[in-house]
Structure formats: structure tokens, C-alpha cells
Amino acid sequence: MATNSGKAIVMPEAKNEPVHYSSDSWATFQLCADCESLLNREYERYSIGVFRNSGQCAQKHDYGVTFSGINTQCLFGFLVAVLWRAASSTHPAYAKVILPEPWSEPIRKSLLNVQLIPSGIVSIKVSKLIDRSPKNGFSQENLKQLVMSPFFRRMRKGKYSFCLVFEGFFFELFFPALSVSQRNKQGFLKRNKRMFMAPYLNVFDIPEMVECMATGYGKFINGQVTFKN
């Protein structure tokens, strides 16, 4: 997906729907002005700043990007809020996101009261997207422009994960929370720490993204587009 004067290239799943530009922000009216302001003030503004303009808080190395001196609790709340709002939205882009009880209501209360999300509900892993193609691959700027509708993965033993892609990162939220040993692996946010390491993840190692891009490219080749190259 790329951008063009504030518009994104949309690659729909439906076979008969062409690739097209869109300025749709996927926003729907969900919360009152006070609640929207609270989520922006307490979570979104800070977290987007960290992921979009890492600055001195991030150090790149061979295995990923290490963030230091940051409010991981705020990042955690922001990502849960993104998913919770997606699950509550009526926009078609979020059709695959459903947060049933007993998760939705405790999340709502925790977010709006600026409290910790109960530790048994969700674990979050953050990866930094890269393209390991030998040449003519996606640049970091290209990857920052990639956005996908949230999708879920069904795991073993009744667990699920919901995946988000934006700002050049791949976020995976696991419900219910994973075991302590699993959460101690690289990439997982720990709310009692001031740092975390986002390991590199090859964009072509994400099957759902590969399928989406392959579908979009096939439509482009077959002339199923509403714009000129």
C-alpha cells in the first residue's frame, strides 16, 4: 500500500472490486468528545510519537530496534485501545475484529479510568518491519506507509491473536495473555520496564500480507484498477 496526496492505495479482498485510491480514514463515531480526548491525551499522542519519530529513544542494531527510557505502560494501553476501538467500530475495515466477554468490558473500564489492563487478558509483541529482498524491495519509508485491516490468527488451546500493521511495525496482541516464559521472549512489551527490543520481521514472512500484496498485484496486472500507473 502506498500514499498519493493523502490517499492510500486500497487492495480489496473481494475478487470483483478493483484496486483504488481512497481517503477514507476508517474513522467512525464511537465515543463522546471527553472520552476521545482522554484516549488521545493518555495514550495515542505519546505512543504515536514514539513509533513515528523514535529519535533518541531508539537504537537500531543487527537484530532489531531497542527502545529505551519509554513509558511501556502507555504503549500497552494505546495498542489495546486501538484494537478495542476497532472491535467496537462498524466500519467494514474492522469486520474481522471481535472482542467478546470476558475481555471487552474490563478493557473498556481500564482504558477510560487510565488503569492497568488486567495482566491475564492480553500480551503484546512488537516487531519492526524490514524487507530482506536482495534488490528493489520496500524502503523503510514504503513500509511506514503500509496499513492493513486488522486480522486475527486462531492459535492452540482456545487462544487468539489480533494483528495490526502501521508506522512500519507489526503488532500482535494475544488473548488471553500468554505464559510468563512466552512473554519473556524478545519483542514483548513489559509494563514494568522502561525499554523493549522490537526484533526485525521480514514483511514477506507474514503470510497474510503476502496474500494481500499478491492479490493486489494480480489485479493490477489484469487492469483491475481505477487509476493510471
Protein backbone atom coordinates (compact mmCIF):
# COMPACT_ATOMS: atom_id res chain seq x y z
CA MET A 1 0.00 0.00 0.00
CA ALA A 2 1.30 3.47 -0.84
CA THR A 3 0.10 7.01 -0.45
CA ASN A 4 -0.74 9.66 -3.02
CA SER A 5 -1.58 13.20 -1.87
CA GLY A 6 -3.04 11.90 1.37
CA LYS A 7 -4.79 8.97 -0.31
CA ALA A 8 -3.97 5.30 0.18
CA ILE A 9 -3.99 2.53 -2.38
CA VAL A 10 -6.65 0.04 -1.30
CA MET A 11 -6.26 -3.60 -2.31
CA PRO A 12 -9.66 -5.19 -1.56
CA GLU A 13 -10.09 -8.90 -0.86
CA ALA A 14 -13.23 -9.15 -2.99
CA LYS A 15 -12.36 -10.56 -6.44
CA ASN A 16 -14.59 -8.16 -8.36
CA GLU A 17 -13.55 -4.99 -6.51
CA PRO A 18 -10.68 -3.13 -8.25
CA VAL A 19 -7.60 -1.61 -6.66
CA HIS A 20 -8.34 2.05 -6.00
CA TYR A 21 -7.27 5.20 -4.17
CA SER A 22 -9.13 6.16 -1.03
CA SER A 23 -9.00 8.99 1.50
CA ASP A 24 -11.16 7.00 3.96
CA SER A 25 -9.55 7.19 7.43
CA TRP A 26 -11.67 4.24 8.68
CA ALA A 27 -12.92 6.50 11.49
CA THR A 28 -16.43 6.09 12.86
CA PHE A 29 -18.22 7.92 15.65
CA GLN A 30 -17.84 5.77 18.77
CA LEU A 31 -17.07 7.78 21.91
CA CYS A 32 -18.06 11.11 23.39
CA ALA A 33 -15.68 14.05 22.97
CA ASP A 34 -14.38 13.70 26.54
CA CYS A 35 -13.52 10.02 26.11
CA GLU A 36 -11.89 10.63 22.73
CA SER A 37 -9.82 13.40 24.29
CA LEU A 38 -8.82 11.15 27.19
CA LEU A 39 -7.59 8.33 24.93
CA ASN A 40 -5.67 10.81 22.81
CA ARG A 41 -4.12 12.53 25.80
CA GLU A 42 -3.29 9.46 27.86
CA TYR A 43 -2.25 7.00 25.17
CA GLU A 44 -2.29 7.99 21.49
CA ARG A 45 -0.31 11.21 21.36
CA TYR A 46 2.69 9.82 23.24
CA SER A 47 2.69 6.38 21.60
CA ILE A 48 2.41 7.61 18.02
CA GLY A 49 5.30 9.94 18.78
CA VAL A 50 7.42 7.00 19.92
CA PHE A 51 6.66 4.80 16.90
CA ARG A 52 6.66 7.56 14.30
CA ASN A 53 9.57 9.71 15.49
CA SER A 54 11.72 7.38 17.55
CA GLY A 55 14.53 9.94 17.89
CA GLN A 56 16.94 9.36 20.74
CA CYS A 57 14.78 6.70 22.43
CA ALA A 58 15.53 4.07 19.74
CA GLN A 59 18.76 2.41 18.71
CA LYS A 60 18.98 0.22 15.62
CA HIS A 61 21.23 -2.84 15.60
CA ASP A 62 21.62 -6.13 13.72
CA TYR A 63 18.64 -7.84 15.31
CA GLY A 64 16.09 -5.06 15.66
CA VAL A 65 15.40 -1.74 17.35
CA THR A 66 15.81 -1.19 21.09
CA PHE A 67 13.65 1.47 22.72
CA SER A 68 14.94 2.90 26.00
CA GLY A 69 13.58 5.34 28.56
CA ILE A 70 9.99 4.99 27.38
CA ASN A 71 6.61 4.56 29.02
CA THR A 72 5.80 0.97 28.04
CA GLN A 73 2.59 1.08 30.08
CA CYS A 74 1.35 3.90 27.84
CA LEU A 75 2.31 1.98 24.67
CA PHE A 76 0.50 -1.07 26.01
CA GLY A 77 -2.67 0.91 26.68
CA PHE A 78 -2.50 2.59 23.27
CA LEU A 79 -2.30 -0.68 21.34
CA VAL A 80 -5.10 -2.27 23.37
CA ALA A 81 -7.18 0.88 22.78
CA VAL A 82 -6.62 0.65 19.01
CA LEU A 83 -7.88 -2.93 18.99
CA TRP A 84 -10.77 -2.25 21.37
CA ARG A 85 -11.99 0.64 19.23
CA ALA A 86 -11.63 -1.49 16.08
CA ALA A 87 -13.77 -4.19 17.68
CA SER A 88 -16.40 -1.58 18.57
CA SER A 89 -16.40 0.04 15.13
CA THR A 90 -18.98 -0.60 12.42
CA HIS A 91 -16.51 0.19 9.62
CA PRO A 92 -16.01 -2.75 7.18
CA ALA A 93 -12.21 -2.47 7.57
CA TYR A 94 -12.56 -3.84 11.10
CA ALA A 95 -15.00 -6.63 10.32
CA LYS A 96 -12.55 -9.33 11.43
CA VAL A 97 -12.04 -7.86 14.91
CA ILE A 98 -14.30 -9.13 17.67
CA LEU A 99 -13.51 -8.88 21.39
CA PRO A 100 -16.05 -10.97 23.27
CA GLU A 101 -16.52 -11.05 27.01
CA PRO A 102 -14.85 -11.50 29.38
CA TRP A 103 -12.29 -9.25 27.64
CA SER A 104 -14.17 -6.26 26.25
CA GLU A 105 -15.72 -4.75 29.37
CA PRO A 106 -12.59 -4.94 31.62
CA ILE A 107 -10.60 -3.35 28.79
CA ARG A 108 -13.14 -0.53 28.42
CA LYS A 109 -13.13 0.21 32.15
CA SER A 110 -9.34 0.10 32.40
CA LEU A 111 -8.79 2.42 29.44
CA LEU A 112 -11.34 5.03 30.42
CA ASN A 113 -10.18 5.01 34.05
CA VAL A 114 -6.50 5.09 32.95
CA GLN A 115 -5.76 1.90 34.85
CA LEU A 116 -3.61 -1.12 34.04
CA ILE A 117 -5.22 -3.67 31.74
CA PRO A 118 -5.61 -6.86 33.85
CA SER A 119 -2.46 -8.92 33.26
CA GLY A 120 -4.31 -12.11 32.37
CA ILE A 121 -6.18 -10.59 29.43
CA VAL A 122 -3.61 -9.71 26.79
CA SER A 123 0.07 -9.94 25.84
CA ILE A 124 1.60 -7.74 23.12
CA LYS A 125 4.54 -8.37 20.79
CA VAL A 126 6.05 -5.59 18.66
CA SER A 127 8.22 -6.25 15.59
CA LYS A 128 9.95 -3.80 13.24
CA LEU A 129 9.17 -4.46 9.58
CA ILE A 130 12.00 -4.80 7.07
CA ASP A 131 12.30 -6.10 3.52
CA ARG A 132 15.12 -8.62 3.07
CA SER A 133 14.66 -8.78 -0.72
CA PRO A 134 18.05 -8.61 -2.48
CA LYS A 135 17.09 -5.53 -4.52
CA ASN A 136 14.22 -3.26 -5.49
CA GLY A 137 12.34 -4.06 -2.30
CA PHE A 138 10.36 -1.88 0.06
CA SER A 139 12.25 1.01 1.62
CA GLN A 140 11.71 1.93 5.26
CA GLU A 141 9.58 4.84 4.08
CA ASN A 142 7.46 2.46 2.00
CA LEU A 143 6.99 0.16 4.99
CA LYS A 144 5.89 3.06 7.18
CA GLN A 145 3.07 3.68 4.70
CA LEU A 146 1.79 0.09 4.78
CA VAL A 147 -1.53 -0.27 6.58
CA MET A 148 -3.68 -3.38 6.77
CA SER A 149 -7.11 -4.05 8.15
CA PRO A 150 -6.61 -5.84 11.49
CA PHE A 151 -6.79 -9.61 11.16
CA PHE A 152 -6.76 -12.48 13.61
CA ARG A 153 -4.98 -15.78 13.96
CA ARG A 154 -6.51 -18.77 15.71
CA MET A 155 -4.00 -20.46 17.99
CA ARG A 156 -3.97 -23.64 20.03
CA LYS A 157 -5.88 -24.18 23.28
CA GLY A 158 -8.51 -21.54 22.66
CA LYS A 159 -6.10 -18.63 22.23
CA TYR A 160 -6.26 -15.94 19.55
CA SER A 161 -4.03 -13.16 18.31
CA PHE A 162 -5.06 -9.97 16.55
CA CYS A 163 -2.54 -8.34 14.22
CA LEU A 164 -2.08 -4.65 13.40
CA VAL A 165 0.24 -3.07 10.81
CA PHE A 166 1.08 0.64 10.82
CA GLU A 167 4.04 3.04 11.13
CA GLY A 168 6.43 0.34 9.89
CA PHE A 169 5.67 -2.05 12.76
CA PHE A 170 3.83 -5.35 13.15
CA PHE A 171 1.85 -5.60 16.38
CA GLU A 172 0.39 -8.87 17.63
CA LEU A 173 -2.00 -8.91 20.60
CA PHE A 174 -2.58 -12.30 22.20
CA PHE A 175 -5.85 -13.16 24.00
CA PRO A 176 -5.88 -14.43 26.69
CA ALA A 177 -2.37 -13.49 27.86
CA LEU A 178 0.49 -15.87 27.15
CA SER A 179 2.54 -17.60 29.82
CA VAL A 180 5.32 -15.73 31.62
CA SER A 181 8.00 -17.73 29.79
CA GLN A 182 6.50 -16.77 26.42
CA ARG A 183 6.18 -13.10 27.39
CA ASN A 184 9.87 -13.03 28.32
CA LYS A 185 10.87 -13.51 24.68
CA GLN A 186 12.14 -10.65 22.54
CA GLY A 187 9.59 -8.15 21.32
CA PHE A 188 7.05 -8.46 24.13
CA LEU A 189 6.07 -5.31 25.99
CA LYS A 190 6.62 -5.49 29.74
CA ARG A 191 4.73 -2.77 31.55
CA ASN A 192 7.15 -2.67 34.49
CA LYS A 193 10.14 -1.97 32.22
CA ARG A 194 11.30 1.26 30.60
CA MET A 195 12.67 -0.47 27.50
CA PHE A 196 11.96 -3.21 24.97
CA MET A 197 13.51 -4.61 21.81
CA ALA A 198 11.42 -4.87 18.63
CA PRO A 199 13.05 -7.62 16.55
CA TYR A 200 13.18 -7.27 12.78
CA LEU A 201 10.44 -9.10 10.86
CA ASN A 202 10.66 -9.62 7.11
CA VAL A 203 7.46 -8.31 5.56
CA PHE A 204 7.40 -11.37 3.28
CA ASP A 205 7.38 -13.69 6.30
CA ILE A 206 3.84 -12.54 7.14
CA PRO A 207 1.54 -14.84 5.09
CA GLU A 208 -1.48 -12.55 5.33
CA MET A 209 0.49 -9.60 3.93
CA VAL A 210 1.97 -11.69 1.12
CA GLU A 211 -1.51 -12.87 0.15
CA CYS A 212 -2.85 -9.32 0.20
CA MET A 213 0.00 -7.98 -1.95
CA ALA A 214 -0.22 -10.91 -4.38
CA THR A 215 -3.95 -10.31 -4.83
CA GLY A 216 -3.42 -6.59 -5.37
CA TYR A 217 -0.60 -7.17 -7.85
CA GLY A 218 -2.68 -9.69 -9.77
CA LYS A 219 -5.49 -7.16 -10.10
CA PHE A 220 -3.02 -4.51 -11.23
CA ILE A 221 -1.62 -6.82 -13.94
CA ASN A 222 -5.14 -7.64 -15.10
CA GLY A 223 -6.10 -3.98 -15.30
CA GLN A 224 -8.48 -4.09 -12.32
CA VAL A 225 -7.56 -0.60 -11.18
CA THR A 226 -9.36 2.73 -11.17
CA PHE A 227 -6.28 4.87 -11.77
CA LYS A 228 -3.45 5.10 -14.28
CA ASN A 229 0.06 3.92 -13.40
